[in-house]
Amino acid sequence: MPESHPALSQLRRPGLMMRAARFGLVHYRRGRQLQRLLAGEMRPERTVPRLFEAEAAFEETRRRGDAAYSVVAHLEVLVALLAECRLLTAARGS
């Protein structure tokens, strides 16, 4: 199923990062990861905007070359974002 959320097509991230995120979808465990990332929010219509915000913050940190940047944490958010966009798209019937 494609990640057809309109905002996903606007993301411009390194190809290797996006490939790694797509590869990570196989290991995505929604309950566990959303609990850690979003403190219990489970409705896709609410998780997706929050994940976009978190991902944008990681991207800004990455682009600045900040020493605090964590590629692992960024990928975890990207994986969750892709998975939640898929879920939202499926729920909307698109």
PDB file of N, CA and C in Angstrom:
ATOM      1  N   MET A   1       0.845  -1.167   0.000  1.00  0.00           N
ATOM      2  CA  MET A   1       0.000   0.000   0.000  1.00  0.00           C
ATOM      3  C   MET A   1       0.898   1.241   0.000  1.00  0.00           C
ATOM      4  N   PRO A   2       0.637   2.199  -0.860  1.00  0.00           N
ATOM      5  CA  PRO A   2       1.490   3.384  -0.924  1.00  0.00           C
ATOM      6  C   PRO A   2       1.249   4.319   0.255  1.00  0.00           C
ATOM      7  N   GLU A   3       2.243   5.133   0.533  1.00  0.00           N
ATOM      8  CA  GLU A   3       2.116   6.162   1.556  1.00  0.00           C
ATOM      9  C   GLU A   3       1.599   7.400   0.857  1.00  0.00           C
ATOM     10  N   SER A   4       0.294   7.504   0.628  1.00  0.00           N
ATOM     11  CA  SER A   4      -0.235   8.529  -0.256  1.00  0.00           C
ATOM     12  C   SER A   4      -0.706   9.795   0.450  1.00  0.00           C
ATOM     13  N   HIS A   5      -0.231  10.072   1.628  1.00  0.00           N
ATOM     14  CA  HIS A   5      -0.561  11.329   2.287  1.00  0.00           C
ATOM     15  C   HIS A   5       0.072  12.449   1.456  1.00  0.00           C
ATOM     16  N   PRO A   6      -0.683  13.504   1.138  1.00  0.00           N
ATOM     17  CA  PRO A   6      -0.162  14.557   0.260  1.00  0.00           C
ATOM     18  C   PRO A   6       1.153  15.179   0.729  1.00  0.00           C
ATOM     19  N   ALA A   7       1.315  15.356   2.021  1.00  0.00           N
ATOM     20  CA  ALA A   7       2.531  15.991   2.534  1.00  0.00           C
ATOM     21  C   ALA A   7       3.771  15.106   2.365  1.00  0.00           C
ATOM     22  N   LEU A   8       3.583  13.801   2.258  1.00  0.00           N
ATOM     23  CA  LEU A   8       4.746  12.916   2.075  1.00  0.00           C
ATOM     24  C   LEU A   8       5.449  13.191   0.753  1.00  0.00           C
ATOM     25  N   SER A   9       4.685  13.541  -0.258  1.00  0.00           N
ATOM     26  CA  SER A   9       5.309  13.820  -1.558  1.00  0.00           C
ATOM     27  C   SER A   9       6.156  15.086  -1.512  1.00  0.00           C
ATOM     28  N   GLN A  10       5.948  15.920  -0.503  1.00  0.00           N
ATOM     29  CA  GLN A  10       6.724  17.145  -0.367  1.00  0.00           C
ATOM     30  C   GLN A  10       8.027  16.948   0.418  1.00  0.00           C
ATOM     31  N   LEU A  11       8.157  15.814   1.103  1.00  0.00           N
ATOM     32  CA  LEU A  11       9.381  15.559   1.865  1.00  0.00           C
ATOM     33  C   LEU A  11      10.554  15.375   0.918  1.00  0.00           C
ATOM     34  N   ARG A  12      11.627  16.077   1.177  1.00  0.00           N
ATOM     35  CA  ARG A  12      12.857  15.915   0.406  1.00  0.00           C
ATOM     36  C   ARG A  12      13.933  15.478   1.384  1.00  0.00           C
ATOM     37  N   ARG A  13      14.128  14.164   1.440  1.00  0.00           N
ATOM     38  CA  ARG A  13      15.104  13.590   2.356  1.00  0.00           C
ATOM     39  C   ARG A  13      16.084  12.753   1.536  1.00  0.00           C
ATOM     40  N   PRO A  14      17.274  12.513   2.076  1.00  0.00           N
ATOM     41  CA  PRO A  14      18.231  11.662   1.351  1.00  0.00           C
ATOM     42  C   PRO A  14      17.610  10.306   1.011  1.00  0.00           C
ATOM     43  N   GLY A  15      17.895   9.834  -0.192  1.00  0.00           N
ATOM     44  CA  GLY A  15      17.335   8.569  -0.664  1.00  0.00           C
ATOM     45  C   GLY A  15      17.626   7.402   0.257  1.00  0.00           C
ATOM     46  N   LEU A  16      18.844   7.349   0.761  1.00  0.00           N
ATOM     47  CA  LEU A  16      19.210   6.255   1.653  1.00  0.00           C
ATOM     48  C   LEU A  16      18.373   6.284   2.933  1.00  0.00           C
ATOM     49  N   MET A  17      18.090   7.478   3.432  1.00  0.00           N
ATOM     50  CA  MET A  17      17.280   7.609   4.638  1.00  0.00           C
ATOM     51  C   MET A  17      15.861   7.099   4.377  1.00  0.00           C
ATOM     52  N   MET A  18      15.275   7.468   3.247  1.00  0.00           N
ATOM     53  CA  MET A  18      13.920   7.026   2.927  1.00  0.00           C
ATOM     54  C   MET A  18      13.868   5.521   2.667  1.00  0.00           C
ATOM     55  N   ARG A  19      14.899   4.989   2.022  1.00  0.00           N
ATOM     56  CA  ARG A  19      14.941   3.534   1.813  1.00  0.00           C
ATOM     57  C   ARG A  19      15.036   2.805   3.144  1.00  0.00           C
ATOM     58  N   ALA A  20      15.857   3.316   4.046  1.00  0.00           N
ATOM     59  CA  ALA A  20      15.989   2.697   5.369  1.00  0.00           C
ATOM     60  C   ALA A  20      14.659   2.756   6.118  1.00  0.00           C
ATOM     61  N   ALA A  21      13.954   3.873   6.010  1.00  0.00           N
ATOM     62  CA  ALA A  21      12.657   4.002   6.678  1.00  0.00           C
ATOM     63  C   ALA A  21      11.655   2.997   6.104  1.00  0.00           C
ATOM     64  N   ARG A  22      11.624   2.854   4.786  1.00  0.00           N
ATOM     65  CA  ARG A  22      10.706   1.885   4.171  1.00  0.00           C
ATOM     66  C   ARG A  22      11.073   0.457   4.582  1.00  0.00           C
ATOM     67  N   PHE A  23      12.354   0.179   4.670  1.00  0.00           N
ATOM     68  CA  PHE A  23      12.804  -1.136   5.115  1.00  0.00           C
ATOM     69  C   PHE A  23      12.349  -1.384   6.557  1.00  0.00           C
ATOM     70  N   GLY A  24      12.382  -0.350   7.374  1.00  0.00           N
ATOM     71  CA  GLY A  24      11.994  -0.464   8.770  1.00  0.00           C
ATOM     72  C   GLY A  24      10.516  -0.691   8.995  1.00  0.00           C
ATOM     73  N   LEU A  25       9.693  -0.469   7.988  1.00  0.00           N
ATOM     74  CA  LEU A  25       8.249  -0.676   8.133  1.00  0.00           C
ATOM     75  C   LEU A  25       7.918  -2.110   8.542  1.00  0.00           C
ATOM     76  N   VAL A  26       8.718  -3.048   8.120  1.00  0.00           N
ATOM     77  CA  VAL A  26       8.492  -4.457   8.446  1.00  0.00           C
ATOM     78  C   VAL A  26       8.563  -4.685   9.954  1.00  0.00           C
ATOM     79  N   HIS A  27       9.373  -3.901  10.623  1.00  0.00           N
ATOM     80  CA  HIS A  27       9.598  -4.081  12.059  1.00  0.00           C
ATOM     81  C   HIS A  27       8.796  -3.105  12.927  1.00  0.00           C
ATOM     82  N   TYR A  28       7.951  -2.311  12.299  1.00  0.00           N
ATOM     83  CA  TYR A  28       7.175  -1.306  13.035  1.00  0.00           C
ATOM     84  C   TYR A  28       6.154  -1.980  13.940  1.00  0.00           C
ATOM     85  N   ARG A  29       6.190  -1.625  15.218  1.00  0.00           N
ATOM     86  CA  ARG A  29       5.239  -2.117  16.206  1.00  0.00           C
ATOM     87  C   ARG A  29       4.495  -0.912  16.743  1.00  0.00           C
ATOM     88  N   ARG A  30       3.324  -0.702  16.198  1.00  0.00           N
ATOM     89  CA  ARG A  30       2.561   0.518  16.407  1.00  0.00           C
ATOM     90  C   ARG A  30       2.392   0.886  17.878  1.00  0.00           C
ATOM     91  N   GLY A  31       1.878  -0.010  18.669  1.00  0.00           N
ATOM     92  CA  GLY A  31       1.617   0.298  20.068  1.00  0.00           C
ATOM     93  C   GLY A  31       2.853   0.725  20.829  1.00  0.00           C
ATOM     94  N   ARG A  32       3.895  -0.036  20.683  1.00  0.00           N
ATOM     95  CA  ARG A  32       5.134   0.240  21.416  1.00  0.00           C
ATOM     96  C   ARG A  32       5.785   1.545  20.944  1.00  0.00           C
ATOM     97  N   GLN A  33       5.878   1.724  19.640  1.00  0.00           N
ATOM     98  CA  GLN A  33       6.591   2.883  19.125  1.00  0.00           C
ATOM     99  C   GLN A  33       5.808   4.179  19.293  1.00  0.00           C
ATOM    100  N   LEU A  34       4.498   4.135  19.086  1.00  0.00           N
ATOM    101  CA  LEU A  34       3.722   5.359  19.295  1.00  0.00           C
ATOM    102  C   LEU A  34       3.705   5.755  20.766  1.00  0.00           C
ATOM    103  N   GLN A  35       3.676   4.781  21.645  1.00  0.00           N
ATOM    104  CA  GLN A  35       3.726   5.081  23.078  1.00  0.00           C
ATOM    105  C   GLN A  35       5.003   5.841  23.405  1.00  0.00           C
ATOM    106  N   ARG A  36       6.095   5.407  22.847  1.00  0.00           N
ATOM    107  CA  ARG A  36       7.377   6.052  23.106  1.00  0.00           C
ATOM    108  C   ARG A  36       7.459   7.425  22.426  1.00  0.00           C
ATOM    109  N   LEU A  37       6.966   7.529  21.192  1.00  0.00           N
ATOM    110  CA  LEU A  37       7.104   8.768  20.430  1.00  0.00           C
ATOM    111  C   LEU A  37       6.064   9.829  20.785  1.00  0.00           C
ATOM    112  N   LEU A  38       4.827   9.383  21.039  1.00  0.00           N
ATOM    113  CA  LEU A  38       3.730  10.340  21.196  1.00  0.00           C
ATOM    114  C   LEU A  38       2.959  10.190  22.497  1.00  0.00           C
ATOM    115  N   ALA A  39       3.488   9.495  23.433  1.00  0.00           N
ATOM    116  CA  ALA A  39       2.874   9.350  24.759  1.00  0.00           C
ATOM    117  C   ALA A  39       1.421   8.893  24.705  1.00  0.00           C
ATOM    118  N   GLY A  40       1.159   7.848  23.936  1.00  0.00           N
ATOM    119  CA  GLY A  40      -0.137   7.199  23.983  1.00  0.00           C
ATOM    120  C   GLY A  40      -1.162   7.598  22.951  1.00  0.00           C
ATOM    121  N   GLU A  41      -0.928   8.624  22.160  1.00  0.00           N
ATOM    122  CA  GLU A  41      -1.893   8.999  21.122  1.00  0.00           C
ATOM    123  C   GLU A  41      -1.936   7.907  20.067  1.00  0.00           C
ATOM    124  N   MET A  42      -3.153   7.431  19.737  1.00  0.00           N
ATOM    125  CA  MET A  42      -3.245   6.286  18.821  1.00  0.00           C
ATOM    126  C   MET A  42      -4.100   6.541  17.578  1.00  0.00           C
ATOM    127  N   ARG A  43      -4.816   7.640  17.498  1.00  0.00           N
ATOM    128  CA  ARG A  43      -5.650   7.868  16.322  1.00  0.00           C
ATOM    129  C   ARG A  43      -4.810   8.451  15.199  1.00  0.00           C
ATOM    130  N   PRO A  44      -4.796   7.793  14.024  1.00  0.00           N
ATOM    131  CA  PRO A  44      -3.943   8.252  12.926  1.00  0.00           C
ATOM    132  C   PRO A  44      -4.159   9.711  12.540  1.00  0.00           C
ATOM    133  N   GLU A  45      -5.394  10.183  12.609  1.00  0.00           N
ATOM    134  CA  GLU A  45      -5.638  11.577  12.234  1.00  0.00           C
ATOM    135  C   GLU A  45      -4.956  12.562  13.200  1.00  0.00           C
ATOM    136  N   ARG A  46      -4.570  12.071  14.369  1.00  0.00           N
ATOM    137  CA  ARG A  46      -3.823  12.910  15.325  1.00  0.00           C
ATOM    138  C   ARG A  46      -2.339  12.574  15.329  1.00  0.00           C
ATOM    139  N   THR A  47      -2.005  11.323  15.090  1.00  0.00           N
ATOM    140  CA  THR A  47      -0.589  10.952  15.117  1.00  0.00           C
ATOM    141  C   THR A  47       0.172  11.519  13.933  1.00  0.00           C
ATOM    142  N   VAL A  48      -0.458  11.526  12.756  1.00  0.00           N
ATOM    143  CA  VAL A  48       0.253  11.965  11.547  1.00  0.00           C
ATOM    144  C   VAL A  48       0.744  13.411  11.664  1.00  0.00           C
ATOM    145  N   PRO A  49      -0.097  14.382  12.035  1.00  0.00           N
ATOM    146  CA  PRO A  49       0.431  15.750  12.165  1.00  0.00           C
ATOM    147  C   PRO A  49       1.545  15.873  13.212  1.00  0.00           C
ATOM    148  N   ARG A  50       1.410  15.159  14.306  1.00  0.00           N
ATOM    149  CA  ARG A  50       2.443  15.221  15.341  1.00  0.00           C
ATOM    150  C   ARG A  50       3.750  14.590  14.859  1.00  0.00           C
ATOM    151  N   LEU A  51       3.642  13.510  14.100  1.00  0.00           N
ATOM    152  CA  LEU A  51       4.847  12.884  13.552  1.00  0.00           C
ATOM    153  C   LEU A  51       5.503  13.778  12.499  1.00  0.00           C
ATOM    154  N   PHE A  52       4.706  14.474  11.692  1.00  0.00           N
ATOM    155  CA  PHE A  52       5.277  15.427  10.736  1.00  0.00           C
ATOM    156  C   PHE A  52       6.050  16.522  11.464  1.00  0.00           C
ATOM    157  N   GLU A  53       5.513  17.013  12.575  1.00  0.00           N
ATOM    158  CA  GLU A  53       6.203  18.035  13.364  1.00  0.00           C
ATOM    159  C   GLU A  53       7.521  17.503  13.926  1.00  0.00           C
ATOM    160  N   ALA A  54       7.472  16.301  14.483  1.00  0.00           N
ATOM    161  CA  ALA A  54       8.682  15.706  15.053  1.00  0.00           C
ATOM    162  C   ALA A  54       9.729  15.469  13.970  1.00  0.00           C
ATOM    163  N   GLU A  55       9.295  14.987  12.817  1.00  0.00           N
ATOM    164  CA  GLU A  55      10.223  14.720  11.724  1.00  0.00           C
ATOM    165  C   GLU A  55      10.851  16.019  11.229  1.00  0.00           C
ATOM    166  N   ALA A  56      10.064  17.078  11.128  1.00  0.00           N
ATOM    167  CA  ALA A  56      10.597  18.373  10.688  1.00  0.00           C
ATOM    168  C   ALA A  56      11.663  18.887  11.653  1.00  0.00           C
ATOM    169  N   ALA A  57      11.453  18.672  12.937  1.00  0.00           N
ATOM    170  CA  ALA A  57      12.450  19.092  13.931  1.00  0.00           C
ATOM    171  C   ALA A  57      13.745  18.304  13.758  1.00  0.00           C
ATOM    172  N   PHE A  58      13.631  16.998  13.533  1.00  0.00           N
ATOM    173  CA  PHE A  58      14.835  16.187  13.283  1.00  0.00           C
ATOM    174  C   PHE A  58      15.535  16.638  12.013  1.00  0.00           C
ATOM    175  N   GLU A  59      14.764  16.929  10.981  1.00  0.00           N
ATOM    176  CA  GLU A  59      15.356  17.358   9.713  1.00  0.00           C
ATOM    177  C   GLU A  59      16.110  18.675   9.876  1.00  0.00           C
ATOM    178  N   GLU A  60      15.531  19.585  10.610  1.00  0.00           N
ATOM    179  CA  GLU A  60      16.203  20.866  10.864  1.00  0.00           C
ATOM    180  C   GLU A  60      17.515  20.637  11.610  1.00  0.00           C
ATOM    181  N   THR A  61      17.496  19.779  12.603  1.00  0.00           N
ATOM    182  CA  THR A  61      18.711  19.459  13.362  1.00  0.00           C
ATOM    183  C   THR A  61      19.752  18.818  12.454  1.00  0.00           C
ATOM    184  N   ARG A  62      19.312  17.922  11.582  1.00  0.00           N
ATOM    185  CA  ARG A  62      20.227  17.256  10.642  1.00  0.00           C
ATOM    186  C   ARG A  62      20.866  18.262   9.706  1.00  0.00           C
ATOM    187  N   ARG A  63      20.065  19.153   9.148  1.00  0.00           N
ATOM    188  CA  ARG A  63      20.577  20.139   8.187  1.00  0.00           C
ATOM    189  C   ARG A  63      21.550  21.133   8.829  1.00  0.00           C
ATOM    190  N   ARG A  64      21.329  21.429  10.095  1.00  0.00           N
ATOM    191  CA  ARG A  64      22.244  22.341  10.799  1.00  0.00           C
ATOM    192  C   ARG A  64      23.578  21.674  11.119  1.00  0.00           C
ATOM    193  N   GLY A  65      23.606  20.347  11.046  1.00  0.00           N
ATOM    194  CA  GLY A  65      24.831  19.635  11.406  1.00  0.00           C
ATOM    195  C   GLY A  65      25.043  19.591  12.905  1.00  0.00           C
ATOM    196  N   ASP A  66      23.968  19.700  13.637  1.00  0.00           N
ATOM    197  CA  ASP A  66      24.009  19.715  15.098  1.00  0.00           C
ATOM    198  C   ASP A  66      24.533  18.384  15.633  1.00  0.00           C
ATOM    199  N   ALA A  67      25.428  18.460  16.604  1.00  0.00           N
ATOM    200  CA  ALA A  67      26.008  17.251  17.199  1.00  0.00           C
ATOM    201  C   ALA A  67      24.967  16.426  17.949  1.00  0.00           C
ATOM    202  N   ALA A  68      23.857  17.037  18.326  1.00  0.00           N
ATOM    203  CA  ALA A  68      22.801  16.325  19.052  1.00  0.00           C
ATOM    204  C   ALA A  68      21.913  15.490  18.125  1.00  0.00           C
ATOM    205  N   TYR A  69      22.115  15.605  16.820  1.00  0.00           N
ATOM    206  CA  TYR A  69      21.284  14.873  15.866  1.00  0.00           C
ATOM    207  C   TYR A  69      21.488  13.367  16.005  1.00  0.00           C
ATOM    208  N   SER A  70      20.364  12.622  15.989  1.00  0.00           N
ATOM    209  CA  SER A  70      20.414  11.164  16.061  1.00  0.00           C
ATOM    210  C   SER A  70      19.722  10.589  14.831  1.00  0.00           C
ATOM    211  N   VAL A  71      20.496   9.972  13.957  1.00  0.00           N
ATOM    212  CA  VAL A  71      19.903   9.370  12.767  1.00  0.00           C
ATOM    213  C   VAL A  71      18.957   8.234  13.146  1.00  0.00           C
ATOM    214  N   VAL A  72      19.266   7.513  14.199  1.00  0.00           N
ATOM    215  CA  VAL A  72      18.412   6.410  14.651  1.00  0.00           C
ATOM    216  C   VAL A  72      17.043   6.935  15.082  1.00  0.00           C
ATOM    217  N   ALA A  73      17.038   7.998  15.871  1.00  0.00           N
ATOM    218  CA  ALA A  73      15.768   8.576  16.315  1.00  0.00           C
ATOM    219  C   ALA A  73      14.997   9.168  15.143  1.00  0.00           C
ATOM    220  N   HIS A  74      15.707   9.801  14.210  1.00  0.00           N
ATOM    221  CA  HIS A  74      15.064  10.365  13.024  1.00  0.00           C
ATOM    222  C   HIS A  74      14.407   9.258  12.208  1.00  0.00           C
ATOM    223  N   LEU A  75      15.113   8.169  12.016  1.00  0.00           N
ATOM    224  CA  LEU A  75      14.555   7.037  11.279  1.00  0.00           C
ATOM    225  C   LEU A  75      13.360   6.429  11.991  1.00  0.00           C
ATOM    226  N   GLU A  76      13.409   6.360  13.301  1.00  0.00           N
ATOM    227  CA  GLU A  76      12.274   5.824  14.054  1.00  0.00           C
ATOM    228  C   GLU A  76      11.018   6.663  13.798  1.00  0.00           C
ATOM    229  N   VAL A  77      11.175   7.976  13.772  1.00  0.00           N
ATOM    230  CA  VAL A  77      10.041   8.860  13.492  1.00  0.00           C
ATOM    231  C   VAL A  77       9.593   8.703  12.042  1.00  0.00           C
ATOM    232  N   LEU A  78      10.533   8.604  11.111  1.00  0.00           N
ATOM    233  CA  LEU A  78      10.166   8.423   9.702  1.00  0.00           C
ATOM    234  C   LEU A  78       9.405   7.123   9.479  1.00  0.00           C
ATOM    235  N   VAL A  79       9.849   6.052  10.093  1.00  0.00           N
ATOM    236  CA  VAL A  79       9.153   4.767   9.973  1.00  0.00           C
ATOM    237  C   VAL A  79       7.727   4.902  10.494  1.00  0.00           C
ATOM    238  N   ALA A  80       7.587   5.493  11.671  1.00  0.00           N
ATOM    239  CA  ALA A  80       6.251   5.687  12.246  1.00  0.00           C
ATOM    240  C   ALA A  80       5.396   6.571  11.339  1.00  0.00           C
ATOM    241  N   LEU A  81       5.980   7.613  10.782  1.00  0.00           N
ATOM    242  CA  LEU A  81       5.250   8.509   9.900  1.00  0.00           C
ATOM    243  C   LEU A  81       4.748   7.776   8.657  1.00  0.00           C
ATOM    244  N   LEU A  82       5.610   7.003   8.029  1.00  0.00           N
ATOM    245  CA  LEU A  82       5.196   6.237   6.852  1.00  0.00           C
ATOM    246  C   LEU A  82       4.085   5.251   7.194  1.00  0.00           C
ATOM    247  N   ALA A  83       4.258   4.546   8.299  1.00  0.00           N
ATOM    248  CA  ALA A  83       3.261   3.551   8.698  1.00  0.00           C
ATOM    249  C   ALA A  83       1.921   4.200   9.032  1.00  0.00           C
ATOM    250  N   GLU A  84       1.955   5.307   9.757  1.00  0.00           N
ATOM    251  CA  GLU A  84       0.715   5.982  10.140  1.00  0.00           C
ATOM    252  C   GLU A  84       0.023   6.610   8.930  1.00  0.00           C
ATOM    253  N   CYS A  85       0.801   7.097   7.970  1.00  0.00           N
ATOM    254  CA  CYS A  85       0.197   7.615   6.742  1.00  0.00           C
ATOM    255  C   CYS A  85      -0.503   6.501   5.974  1.00  0.00           C
ATOM    256  N   ARG A  86       0.100   5.340   5.949  1.00  0.00           N
ATOM    257  CA  ARG A  86      -0.551   4.187   5.307  1.00  0.00           C
ATOM    258  C   ARG A  86      -1.852   3.840   6.006  1.00  0.00           C
ATOM    259  N   LEU A  87      -1.813   3.837   7.328  1.00  0.00           N
ATOM    260  CA  LEU A  87      -3.000   3.513   8.107  1.00  0.00           C
ATOM    261  C   LEU A  87      -4.092   4.548   7.890  1.00  0.00           C
ATOM    262  N   LEU A  88      -3.733   5.807   7.885  1.00  0.00           N
ATOM    263  CA  LEU A  88      -4.692   6.885   7.662  1.00  0.00           C
ATOM    264  C   LEU A  88      -5.315   6.787   6.272  1.00  0.00           C
ATOM    265  N   THR A  89      -4.488   6.501   5.282  1.00  0.00           N
ATOM    266  CA  THR A  89      -4.981   6.353   3.909  1.00  0.00           C
ATOM    267  C   THR A  89      -5.952   5.184   3.815  1.00  0.00           C
ATOM    268  N   ALA A  90      -5.613   4.090   4.448  1.00  0.00           N
ATOM    269  CA  ALA A  90      -6.500   2.913   4.440  1.00  0.00           C
ATOM    270  C   ALA A  90      -7.809   3.219   5.158  1.00  0.00           C
ATOM    271  N   ALA A  91      -7.738   3.957   6.260  1.00  0.00           N
ATOM    272  CA  ALA A  91      -8.951   4.282   7.017  1.00  0.00           C
ATOM    273  C   ALA A  91      -9.877   5.200   6.228  1.00  0.00           C
ATOM    274  N   ARG A  92      -9.300   6.038   5.403  1.00  0.00           N
ATOM    275  CA  ARG A  92     -10.090   6.964   4.581  1.00  0.00           C
ATOM    276  C   ARG A  92     -10.620   6.279   3.320  1.00  0.00           C
ATOM    277  N   GLY A  93     -10.106   5.080   3.051  1.00  0.00           N
ATOM    278  CA  GLY A  93     -10.567   4.334   1.889  1.00  0.00           C
ATOM    279  C   GLY A  93      -9.975   4.803   0.576  1.00  0.00           C
ATOM    280  N   SER A  94      -8.831   5.505   0.638  1.00  0.00           N
ATOM    281  CA  SER A  94      -8.198   6.005  -0.583  1.00  0.00           C
ATOM    282  C   SER A  94      -7.226   4.993  -1.134  1.00  0.00           C
TER     283      SER A  94
END
